[in-house]
């Protein structure tokens, strides 16, 4: 199961992330997961939201460059070695990870990792064969 993620490209200056979140909030968009990566000049805000199409429209109407990409949400045990185990399995099966970020809903239970893969369909097949729990957008949003 694939999720739609929004990537927003912003100048690396004070207030830009706040502006993005303010616009989305005013538009009734609820942000479920957020990640920010930056360089000296710009940043990329990655978002999982309740209404991707509406969020993209809001951002584009306000002159933000925003893209819709597919990612995969995987539930893993929140325990020492939980992340290493799945990463080793992916590596042994020639799955290249472009990036990942994650969060823990309730400590000691499950962690949720958001993956962007080079070959998404291959990665989903490998994860499914391994028995990994892949979450739909609805499942992720309802956690």
Foldseek 3Di string as FASTA:
>chain_A
DKAKKKKWKAFPDPPPVVVLVVLCVVVVKDWLDWDWDDDNTMIIIITQIDDVVSSVVSCVVVVIDMDIDIKWKWKWFLDPCGVVVVVVLCVVQVWAWPDKDWADPDHRGIIIMITDTPDVVSSVVSCVVVVIDIDYSVRSNVD
